[in-house]
């Protein structure tokens, strides 16, 4: 799994640490690798909760996540609003 970020680095570090912990928890509980689409859905849910809560600052980072699992290769883009999309090819950042 590989990640590219666009936005605030501190928020990206927080989300990648969350992703690492989720993968380790899944490995210990199920004995296999975490499915990428499920992990991206968890990131989207976490981002949407921060966006919807009035007293919390939303995440200011977009992630481009590429991975290979049993279903094949995947490229996902996550937005600070909580939306996530799967693409065949994608770029992220100012000059995408």
PDB file of N, CA and C in Angstrom:
ATOM      1  N   UNK A   1       0.851  -1.161   0.000  1.00  0.00           N
ATOM      2  CA  UNK A   1       0.000   0.000   0.000  1.00  0.00           C
ATOM      3  C   UNK A   1       0.901   1.229   0.000  1.00  0.00           C
ATOM      4  N   UNK A   2       0.553   2.193  -0.815  1.00  0.00           N
ATOM      5  CA  UNK A   2       1.283   3.448  -0.889  1.00  0.00           C
ATOM      6  C   UNK A   2       0.317   4.615  -0.793  1.00  0.00           C
ATOM      7  N   UNK A   3       0.794   5.732  -0.232  1.00  0.00           N
ATOM      8  CA  UNK A   3      -0.064   6.890  -0.002  1.00  0.00           C
ATOM      9  C   UNK A   3       0.635   8.148  -0.488  1.00  0.00           C
ATOM     10  N   UNK A   4      -0.095   8.996  -1.221  1.00  0.00           N
ATOM     11  CA  UNK A   4       0.335  10.350  -1.559  1.00  0.00           C
ATOM     12  C   UNK A   4      -0.625  11.310  -0.887  1.00  0.00           C
ATOM     13  N   UNK A   5      -0.112  12.441  -0.406  1.00  0.00           N
ATOM     14  CA  UNK A   5      -0.961  13.388   0.304  1.00  0.00           C
ATOM     15  C   UNK A   5      -0.981  14.723  -0.422  1.00  0.00           C
ATOM     16  N   UNK A   6      -2.050  15.474  -0.180  1.00  0.00           N
ATOM     17  CA  UNK A   6      -2.157  16.843  -0.646  1.00  0.00           C
ATOM     18  C   UNK A   6      -2.896  17.617   0.435  1.00  0.00           C
ATOM     19  N   UNK A   7      -2.185  18.492   1.099  1.00  0.00           N
ATOM     20  CA  UNK A   7      -2.802  19.268   2.164  1.00  0.00           C
ATOM     21  C   UNK A   7      -1.918  19.335   3.387  1.00  0.00           C
ATOM     22  N   UNK A   8      -2.544  19.332   4.534  1.00  0.00           N
ATOM     23  CA  UNK A   8      -1.829  19.494   5.799  1.00  0.00           C
ATOM     24  C   UNK A   8      -1.129  18.195   6.197  1.00  0.00           C
ATOM     25  N   UNK A   9       0.171  18.279   6.396  1.00  0.00           N
ATOM     26  CA  UNK A   9       0.980  17.106   6.701  1.00  0.00           C
ATOM     27  C   UNK A   9       0.618  16.494   8.054  1.00  0.00           C
ATOM     28  N   UNK A  10       0.295  17.327   9.041  1.00  0.00           N
ATOM     29  CA  UNK A  10      -0.048  16.806  10.368  1.00  0.00           C
ATOM     30  C   UNK A  10      -1.310  15.947  10.313  1.00  0.00           C
ATOM     31  N   UNK A  11      -2.303  16.373   9.545  1.00  0.00           N
ATOM     32  CA  UNK A  11      -3.515  15.567   9.398  1.00  0.00           C
ATOM     33  C   UNK A  11      -3.229  14.258   8.670  1.00  0.00           C
ATOM     34  N   UNK A  12      -2.336  14.313   7.684  1.00  0.00           N
ATOM     35  CA  UNK A  12      -1.970  13.093   6.959  1.00  0.00           C
ATOM     36  C   UNK A  12      -1.256  12.110   7.874  1.00  0.00           C
ATOM     37  N   UNK A  13      -0.383  12.615   8.741  1.00  0.00           N
ATOM     38  CA  UNK A  13       0.302  11.729   9.691  1.00  0.00           C
ATOM     39  C   UNK A  13      -0.696  11.074  10.634  1.00  0.00           C
ATOM     40  N   UNK A  14      -1.675  11.842  11.091  1.00  0.00           N
ATOM     41  CA  UNK A  14      -2.698  11.291  11.978  1.00  0.00           C
ATOM     42  C   UNK A  14      -3.483  10.184  11.279  1.00  0.00           C
ATOM     43  N   UNK A  15      -3.886  10.426  10.038  1.00  0.00           N
ATOM     44  CA  UNK A  15      -4.663   9.423   9.310  1.00  0.00           C
ATOM     45  C   UNK A  15      -3.834   8.189   8.961  1.00  0.00           C
ATOM     46  N   UNK A  16      -2.556   8.367   8.616  1.00  0.00           N
ATOM     47  CA  UNK A  16      -1.734   7.195   8.313  1.00  0.00           C
ATOM     48  C   UNK A  16      -1.457   6.371   9.569  1.00  0.00           C
ATOM     49  N   UNK A  17      -1.303   7.035  10.703  1.00  0.00           N
ATOM     50  CA  UNK A  17      -1.141   6.289  11.955  1.00  0.00           C
ATOM     51  C   UNK A  17      -2.410   5.501  12.272  1.00  0.00           C
ATOM     52  N   UNK A  18      -3.577   6.111  12.034  1.00  0.00           N
ATOM     53  CA  UNK A  18      -4.851   5.413  12.213  1.00  0.00           C
ATOM     54  C   UNK A  18      -4.939   4.209  11.285  1.00  0.00           C
ATOM     55  N   UNK A  19      -4.507   4.376  10.029  1.00  0.00           N
ATOM     56  CA  UNK A  19      -4.552   3.271   9.072  1.00  0.00           C
ATOM     57  C   UNK A  19      -3.623   2.136   9.491  1.00  0.00           C
ATOM     58  N   UNK A  20      -2.423   2.473   9.980  1.00  0.00           N
ATOM     59  CA  UNK A  20      -1.505   1.440  10.458  1.00  0.00           C
ATOM     60  C   UNK A  20      -2.095   0.650  11.607  1.00  0.00           C
ATOM     61  N   UNK A  21      -2.686   1.356  12.562  1.00  0.00           N
ATOM     62  CA  UNK A  21      -3.297   0.680  13.710  1.00  0.00           C
ATOM     63  C   UNK A  21      -4.457  -0.207  13.291  1.00  0.00           C
ATOM     64  N   UNK A  22      -5.280   0.258  12.359  1.00  0.00           N
ATOM     65  CA  UNK A  22      -6.390  -0.563  11.878  1.00  0.00           C
ATOM     66  C   UNK A  22      -5.888  -1.818  11.172  1.00  0.00           C
ATOM     67  N   UNK A  23      -4.835  -1.690  10.389  1.00  0.00           N
ATOM     68  CA  UNK A  23      -4.265  -2.859   9.703  1.00  0.00           C
ATOM     69  C   UNK A  23      -3.701  -3.864  10.701  1.00  0.00           C
ATOM     70  N   UNK A  24      -3.007  -3.364  11.736  1.00  0.00           N
ATOM     71  CA  UNK A  24      -2.474  -4.274  12.757  1.00  0.00           C
ATOM     72  C   UNK A  24      -3.596  -4.959  13.528  1.00  0.00           C
ATOM     73  N   UNK A  25      -4.622  -4.217  13.888  1.00  0.00           N
ATOM     74  CA  UNK A  25      -5.763  -4.818  14.591  1.00  0.00           C
ATOM     75  C   UNK A  25      -6.438  -5.886  13.738  1.00  0.00           C
ATOM     76  N   UNK A  26      -6.597  -5.616  12.452  1.00  0.00           N
ATOM     77  CA  UNK A  26      -7.209  -6.600  11.553  1.00  0.00           C
ATOM     78  C   UNK A  26      -6.320  -7.834  11.431  1.00  0.00           C
ATOM     79  N   UNK A  27      -4.998  -7.626  11.357  1.00  0.00           N
ATOM     80  CA  UNK A  27      -4.068  -8.752  11.250  1.00  0.00           C
ATOM     81  C   UNK A  27      -4.153  -9.643  12.490  1.00  0.00           C
ATOM     82  N   UNK A  28      -4.181  -9.025  13.675  1.00  0.00           N
ATOM     83  CA  UNK A  28      -4.252  -9.815  14.904  1.00  0.00           C
ATOM     84  C   UNK A  28      -5.591 -10.520  15.053  1.00  0.00           C
ATOM     85  N   UNK A  29      -6.669  -9.896  14.628  1.00  0.00           N
ATOM     86  CA  UNK A  29      -8.004 -10.488  14.792  1.00  0.00           C
ATOM     87  C   UNK A  29      -8.306 -11.557  13.743  1.00  0.00           C
ATOM     88  N   UNK A  30      -7.895 -11.321  12.493  1.00  0.00           N
ATOM     89  CA  UNK A  30      -8.300 -12.215  11.408  1.00  0.00           C
ATOM     90  C   UNK A  30      -7.160 -13.015  10.797  1.00  0.00           C
ATOM     91  N   UNK A  31      -5.926 -12.626  11.054  1.00  0.00           N
ATOM     92  CA  UNK A  31      -4.793 -13.361  10.510  1.00  0.00           C
ATOM     93  C   UNK A  31      -4.566 -13.159   9.029  1.00  0.00           C
ATOM     94  N   UNK A  32      -5.102 -12.091   8.459  1.00  0.00           N
ATOM     95  CA  UNK A  32      -4.902 -11.795   7.042  1.00  0.00           C
ATOM     96  C   UNK A  32      -4.792 -10.280   6.864  1.00  0.00           C
ATOM     97  N   UNK A  33      -4.475  -9.873   5.643  1.00  0.00           N
ATOM     98  CA  UNK A  33      -4.324  -8.450   5.358  1.00  0.00           C
ATOM     99  C   UNK A  33      -5.676  -7.749   5.293  1.00  0.00           C
ATOM    100  N   UNK A  34      -5.686  -6.493   5.680  1.00  0.00           N
ATOM    101  CA  UNK A  34      -6.905  -5.682   5.688  1.00  0.00           C
ATOM    102  C   UNK A  34      -7.299  -5.350   4.250  1.00  0.00           C
ATOM    103  N   UNK A  35      -8.557  -5.574   3.840  1.00  0.00           N
ATOM    104  CA  UNK A  35      -8.982  -5.186   2.493  1.00  0.00           C
ATOM    105  C   UNK A  35      -8.899  -3.666   2.320  1.00  0.00           C
ATOM    106  N   UNK A  36      -8.373  -3.240   1.192  1.00  0.00           N
ATOM    107  CA  UNK A  36      -8.119  -1.821   0.962  1.00  0.00           C
ATOM    108  C   UNK A  36      -9.408  -1.003   0.945  1.00  0.00           C
ATOM    109  N   UNK A  37     -10.432  -1.495   0.279  1.00  0.00           N
ATOM    110  CA  UNK A  37     -11.676  -0.725   0.176  1.00  0.00           C
ATOM    111  C   UNK A  37     -12.312  -0.508   1.544  1.00  0.00           C
ATOM    112  N   UNK A  38     -12.222  -1.489   2.390  1.00  0.00           N
ATOM    113  CA  UNK A  38     -12.779  -1.355   3.743  1.00  0.00           C
ATOM    114  C   UNK A  38     -11.988  -0.330   4.565  1.00  0.00           C
ATOM    115  N   UNK A  39     -10.671  -0.315   4.409  1.00  0.00           N
ATOM    116  CA  UNK A  39      -9.830   0.640   5.114  1.00  0.00           C
ATOM    117  C   UNK A  39     -10.098   2.066   4.634  1.00  0.00           C
ATOM    118  N   UNK A  40     -10.274   2.244   3.331  1.00  0.00           N
ATOM    119  CA  UNK A  40     -10.577   3.570   2.788  1.00  0.00           C
ATOM    120  C   UNK A  40     -11.960   4.030   3.248  1.00  0.00           C
ATOM    121  N   UNK A  41     -12.899   3.117   3.364  1.00  0.00           N
ATOM    122  CA  UNK A  41     -14.223   3.470   3.876  1.00  0.00           C
ATOM    123  C   UNK A  41     -14.145   3.939   5.328  1.00  0.00           C
ATOM    124  N   UNK A  42     -13.268   3.333   6.114  1.00  0.00           N
ATOM    125  CA  UNK A  42     -13.081   3.783   7.498  1.00  0.00           C
ATOM    126  C   UNK A  42     -12.497   5.188   7.546  1.00  0.00           C
ATOM    127  N   UNK A  43     -11.561   5.486   6.647  1.00  0.00           N
ATOM    128  CA  UNK A  43     -10.988   6.829   6.569  1.00  0.00           C
ATOM    129  C   UNK A  43     -12.066   7.834   6.166  1.00  0.00           C
ATOM    130  N   UNK A  44     -12.904   7.468   5.202  1.00  0.00           N
ATOM    131  CA  UNK A  44     -13.990   8.353   4.787  1.00  0.00           C
ATOM    132  C   UNK A  44     -14.975   8.621   5.911  1.00  0.00           C
ATOM    133  N   UNK A  45     -15.290   7.590   6.673  1.00  0.00           N
ATOM    134  CA  UNK A  45     -16.205   7.764   7.800  1.00  0.00           C
ATOM    135  C   UNK A  45     -15.598   8.662   8.867  1.00  0.00           C
ATOM    136  N   UNK A  46     -14.318   8.470   9.151  1.00  0.00           N
ATOM    137  CA  UNK A  46     -13.628   9.293  10.145  1.00  0.00           C
ATOM    138  C   UNK A  46     -13.575  10.758   9.695  1.00  0.00           C
ATOM    139  N   UNK A  47     -13.319  10.996   8.416  1.00  0.00           N
ATOM    140  CA  UNK A  47     -13.284  12.359   7.889  1.00  0.00           C
ATOM    141  C   UNK A  47     -14.667  13.006   7.917  1.00  0.00           C
ATOM    142  N   UNK A  48     -15.699  12.255   7.593  1.00  0.00           N
ATOM    143  CA  UNK A  48     -17.048  12.807   7.555  1.00  0.00           C
ATOM    144  C   UNK A  48     -17.523  13.179   8.946  1.00  0.00           C
ATOM    145  N   UNK A  49     -17.196  12.404   9.961  1.00  0.00           N
ATOM    146  CA  UNK A  49     -17.590  12.711  11.333  1.00  0.00           C
ATOM    147  C   UNK A  49     -16.954  14.023  11.778  1.00  0.00           C
ATOM    148  N   UNK A  50     -15.674  14.222  11.440  1.00  0.00           N
ATOM    149  CA  UNK A  50     -15.005  15.475  11.786  1.00  0.00           C
ATOM    150  C   UNK A  50     -15.626  16.658  11.050  1.00  0.00           C
ATOM    151  N   UNK A  51     -16.061  16.458   9.807  1.00  0.00           N
ATOM    152  CA  UNK A  51     -16.661  17.534   9.028  1.00  0.00           C
ATOM    153  C   UNK A  51     -18.029  17.911   9.573  1.00  0.00           C
ATOM    154  N   UNK A  52     -18.806  16.917  10.004  1.00  0.00           N
ATOM    155  CA  UNK A  52     -20.180  17.159  10.434  1.00  0.00           C
ATOM    156  C   UNK A  52     -20.279  17.734  11.841  1.00  0.00           C
ATOM    157  N   UNK A  53     -19.270  17.522  12.669  1.00  0.00           N
ATOM    158  CA  UNK A  53     -19.329  18.000  14.047  1.00  0.00           C
ATOM    159  C   UNK A  53     -18.994  19.492  14.090  1.00  0.00           C
ATOM    160  N   UNK A  54     -19.856  20.324  14.703  1.00  0.00           N
ATOM    161  CA  UNK A  54     -19.643  21.778  14.629  1.00  0.00           C
ATOM    162  C   UNK A  54     -18.449  22.296  15.418  1.00  0.00           C
ATOM    163  N   UNK A  55     -18.017  21.598  16.459  1.00  0.00           N
ATOM    164  CA  UNK A  55     -16.926  22.126  17.275  1.00  0.00           C
ATOM    165  C   UNK A  55     -15.565  21.541  16.909  1.00  0.00           C
ATOM    166  N   UNK A  56     -15.498  20.713  15.879  1.00  0.00           N
ATOM    167  CA  UNK A  56     -14.234  20.106  15.480  1.00  0.00           C
ATOM    168  C   UNK A  56     -13.797  20.638  14.124  1.00  0.00           C
ATOM    169  N   UNK A  57     -12.485  20.758  13.952  1.00  0.00           N
ATOM    170  CA  UNK A  57     -11.918  21.192  12.688  1.00  0.00           C
ATOM    171  C   UNK A  57     -11.855  20.003  11.731  1.00  0.00           C
ATOM    172  N   UNK A  58     -12.364  20.148  10.512  1.00  0.00           N
ATOM    173  CA  UNK A  58     -12.270  19.024   9.566  1.00  0.00           C
ATOM    174  C   UNK A  58     -10.830  18.784   9.138  1.00  0.00           C
ATOM    175  N   UNK A  59     -10.575  17.566   8.693  1.00  0.00           N
ATOM    176  CA  UNK A  59      -9.242  17.252   8.187  1.00  0.00           C
ATOM    177  C   UNK A  59      -8.979  18.091   6.947  1.00  0.00           C
ATOM    178  N   UNK A  60      -7.773  18.568   6.807  1.00  0.00           N
ATOM    179  CA  UNK A  60      -7.392  19.380   5.660  1.00  0.00           C
ATOM    180  C   UNK A  60      -6.438  18.656   4.744  1.00  0.00           C
ATOM    181  N   UNK A  61      -6.742  17.413   4.449  1.00  0.00           N
ATOM    182  CA  UNK A  61      -5.831  16.621   3.624  1.00  0.00           C
ATOM    183  C   UNK A  61      -6.636  15.693   2.720  1.00  0.00           C
ATOM    184  N   UNK A  62      -6.137  15.538   1.506  1.00  0.00           N
ATOM    185  CA  UNK A  62      -6.662  14.543   0.589  1.00  0.00           C
ATOM    186  C   UNK A  62      -5.621  13.453   0.421  1.00  0.00           C
ATOM    187  N   UNK A  63      -6.051  12.231   0.393  1.00  0.00           N
ATOM    188  CA  UNK A  63      -5.132  11.097   0.263  1.00  0.00           C
ATOM    189  C   UNK A  63      -5.361  10.397  -1.062  1.00  0.00           C
ATOM    190  N   UNK A  64      -4.294   9.969  -1.677  1.00  0.00           N
ATOM    191  CA  UNK A  64      -4.342   9.108  -2.850  1.00  0.00           C
ATOM    192  C   UNK A  64      -3.697   7.796  -2.432  1.00  0.00           C
ATOM    193  N   UNK A  65      -4.504   6.748  -2.352  1.00  0.00           N
ATOM    194  CA  UNK A  65      -4.073   5.472  -1.791  1.00  0.00           C
ATOM    195  C   UNK A  65      -4.052   4.428  -2.901  1.00  0.00           C
ATOM    196  N   UNK A  66      -2.905   3.813  -3.095  1.00  0.00           N
ATOM    197  CA  UNK A  66      -2.764   2.738  -4.059  1.00  0.00           C
ATOM    198  C   UNK A  66      -2.415   1.441  -3.345  1.00  0.00           C
ATOM    199  N   UNK A  67      -3.069   0.356  -3.733  1.00  0.00           N
ATOM    200  CA  UNK A  67      -2.794  -0.912  -3.059  1.00  0.00           C
ATOM    201  C   UNK A  67      -3.064  -2.087  -3.995  1.00  0.00           C
ATOM    202  N   UNK A  68      -2.557  -3.233  -3.568  1.00  0.00           N
ATOM    203  CA  UNK A  68      -2.791  -4.490  -4.264  1.00  0.00           C
ATOM    204  C   UNK A  68      -3.315  -5.481  -3.235  1.00  0.00           C
ATOM    205  N   UNK A  69      -4.446  -6.118  -3.526  1.00  0.00           N
ATOM    206  CA  UNK A  69      -4.981  -7.147  -2.638  1.00  0.00           C
ATOM    207  C   UNK A  69      -5.511  -8.302  -3.482  1.00  0.00           C
ATOM    208  N   UNK A  70      -6.308  -9.170  -2.876  1.00  0.00           N
ATOM    209  CA  UNK A  70      -6.812 -10.349  -3.588  1.00  0.00           C
ATOM    210  C   UNK A  70      -7.674  -9.985  -4.788  1.00  0.00           C
ATOM    211  N   UNK A  71      -8.356  -8.832  -4.730  1.00  0.00           N
ATOM    212  CA  UNK A  71      -9.249  -8.416  -5.810  1.00  0.00           C
ATOM    213  C   UNK A  71      -8.506  -7.731  -6.953  1.00  0.00           C
ATOM    214  N   UNK A  72      -7.231  -7.399  -6.774  1.00  0.00           N
ATOM    215  CA  UNK A  72      -6.454  -6.748  -7.821  1.00  0.00           C
ATOM    216  C   UNK A  72      -5.832  -5.461  -7.326  1.00  0.00           C
ATOM    217  N   UNK A  73      -5.520  -4.574  -8.277  1.00  0.00           N
ATOM    218  CA  UNK A  73      -4.926  -3.284  -7.916  1.00  0.00           C
ATOM    219  C   UNK A  73      -6.007  -2.230  -7.788  1.00  0.00           C
ATOM    220  N   UNK A  74      -5.809  -1.296  -6.871  1.00  0.00           N
ATOM    221  CA  UNK A  74      -6.786  -0.255  -6.603  1.00  0.00           C
ATOM    222  C   UNK A  74      -6.088   1.080  -6.407  1.00  0.00           C
ATOM    223  N   UNK A  75      -6.745   2.153  -6.847  1.00  0.00           N
ATOM    224  CA  UNK A  75      -6.332   3.515  -6.537  1.00  0.00           C
ATOM    225  C   UNK A  75      -7.557   4.239  -6.018  1.00  0.00           C
ATOM    226  N   UNK A  76      -7.466   4.739  -4.782  1.00  0.00           N
ATOM    227  CA  UNK A  76      -8.559   5.457  -4.158  1.00  0.00           C
ATOM    228  C   UNK A  76      -8.129   6.886  -3.857  1.00  0.00           C
ATOM    229  N   UNK A  77      -9.067   7.817  -3.987  1.00  0.00           N
ATOM    230  CA  UNK A  77      -8.859   9.191  -3.558  1.00  0.00           C
ATOM    231  C   UNK A  77      -9.855   9.488  -2.449  1.00  0.00           C
ATOM    232  N   UNK A  78      -9.375  10.058  -1.345  1.00  0.00           N
ATOM    233  CA  UNK A  78     -10.259  10.491  -0.272  1.00  0.00           C
ATOM    234  C   UNK A  78     -10.247  12.010  -0.204  1.00  0.00           C
ATOM    235  N   UNK A  79     -11.377  12.579   0.127  1.00  0.00           N
ATOM    236  CA  UNK A  79     -11.532  14.035   0.249  1.00  0.00           C
ATOM    237  C   UNK A  79     -11.723  14.383   1.716  1.00  0.00           C
ATOM    238  N   UNK A  80     -11.434  15.629   2.102  1.00  0.00           N
ATOM    239  CA  UNK A  80     -11.681  16.045   3.489  1.00  0.00           C
ATOM    240  C   UNK A  80     -13.161  15.978   3.888  1.00  0.00           C
ATOM    241  N   UNK A  81     -14.063  16.002   2.904  1.00  0.00           N
ATOM    242  CA  UNK A  81     -15.495  15.937   3.208  1.00  0.00           C
ATOM    243  C   UNK A  81     -15.954  14.537   3.580  1.00  0.00           C
ATOM    244  N   UNK A  82     -15.132  13.531   3.345  1.00  0.00           N
ATOM    245  CA  UNK A  82     -15.490  12.155   3.678  1.00  0.00           C
ATOM    246  C   UNK A  82     -15.803  11.307   2.469  1.00  0.00           C
ATOM    247  N   UNK A  83     -15.851  11.896   1.277  1.00  0.00           N
ATOM    248  CA  UNK A  83     -16.093  11.120   0.064  1.00  0.00           C
ATOM    249  C   UNK A  83     -14.821  10.387  -0.339  1.00  0.00           C
ATOM    250  N   UNK A  84     -15.007   9.222  -0.931  1.00  0.00           N
ATOM    251  CA  UNK A  84     -13.866   8.500  -1.500  1.00  0.00           C
ATOM    252  C   UNK A  84     -14.291   7.878  -2.817  1.00  0.00           C
ATOM    253  N   UNK A  85     -13.347   7.845  -3.750  1.00  0.00           N
ATOM    254  CA  UNK A  85     -13.623   7.369  -5.098  1.00  0.00           C
ATOM    255  C   UNK A  85     -12.522   6.406  -5.519  1.00  0.00           C
ATOM    256  N   UNK A  86     -12.887   5.431  -6.336  1.00  0.00           N
ATOM    257  CA  UNK A  86     -11.894   4.517  -6.897  1.00  0.00           C
ATOM    258  C   UNK A  86     -11.681   4.884  -8.356  1.00  0.00           C
ATOM    259  N   UNK A  87     -10.424   4.939  -8.772  1.00  0.00           N
ATOM    260  CA  UNK A  87     -10.064   5.330 -10.126  1.00  0.00           C
ATOM    261  C   UNK A  87      -9.159   4.291 -10.763  1.00  0.00           C
ATOM    262  N   UNK A  88      -9.017   4.399 -12.075  1.00  0.00           N
ATOM    263  CA  UNK A  88      -8.036   3.590 -12.787  1.00  0.00           C
ATOM    264  C   UNK A  88      -6.707   4.326 -12.812  1.00  0.00           C
ATOM    265  N   UNK A  89      -6.752   5.646 -12.993  1.00  0.00           N
ATOM    266  CA  UNK A  89      -5.554   6.495 -12.950  1.00  0.00           C
ATOM    267  C   UNK A  89      -5.962   7.822 -12.331  1.00  0.00           C
ATOM    268  N   UNK A  90      -5.088   8.401 -11.505  1.00  0.00           N
ATOM    269  CA  UNK A  90      -5.457   9.639 -10.805  1.00  0.00           C
ATOM    270  C   UNK A  90      -4.198  10.358 -10.379  1.00  0.00           C
ATOM    271  N   UNK A  91      -4.281  11.686 -10.286  1.00  0.00           N
ATOM    272  CA  UNK A  91      -3.218  12.517  -9.732  1.00  0.00           C
ATOM    273  C   UNK A  91      -3.853  13.397  -8.668  1.00  0.00           C
ATOM    274  N   UNK A  92      -3.033  13.850  -7.720  1.00  0.00           N
ATOM    275  CA  UNK A  92      -3.551  14.656  -6.622  1.00  0.00           C
ATOM    276  C   UNK A  92      -2.589  15.804  -6.397  1.00  0.00           C
ATOM    277  N   UNK A  93      -3.112  16.951  -5.998  1.00  0.00           N
ATOM    278  CA  UNK A  93      -2.270  18.088  -5.681  1.00  0.00           C
ATOM    279  C   UNK A  93      -2.638  19.317  -6.492  1.00  0.00           C
ATOM    280  N   UNK A  94      -1.785  20.331  -6.404  1.00  0.00           N
ATOM    281  CA  UNK A  94      -2.047  21.598  -7.099  1.00  0.00           C
ATOM    282  C   UNK A  94      -2.013  21.459  -8.621  1.00  0.00           C
ATOM    283  N   UNK A  95      -1.048  20.746  -9.110  1.00  0.00           N
ATOM    284  CA  UNK A  95      -0.866  20.636 -10.566  1.00  0.00           C
ATOM    285  C   UNK A  95      -1.254  19.253 -11.087  1.00  0.00           C
ATOM    286  N   UNK A  96      -2.380  18.770 -10.650  1.00  0.00           N
ATOM    287  CA  UNK A  96      -2.775  17.441 -11.092  1.00  0.00           C
ATOM    288  C   UNK A  96      -3.378  17.509 -12.467  1.00  0.00           C
TER     289      UNK A  96
END
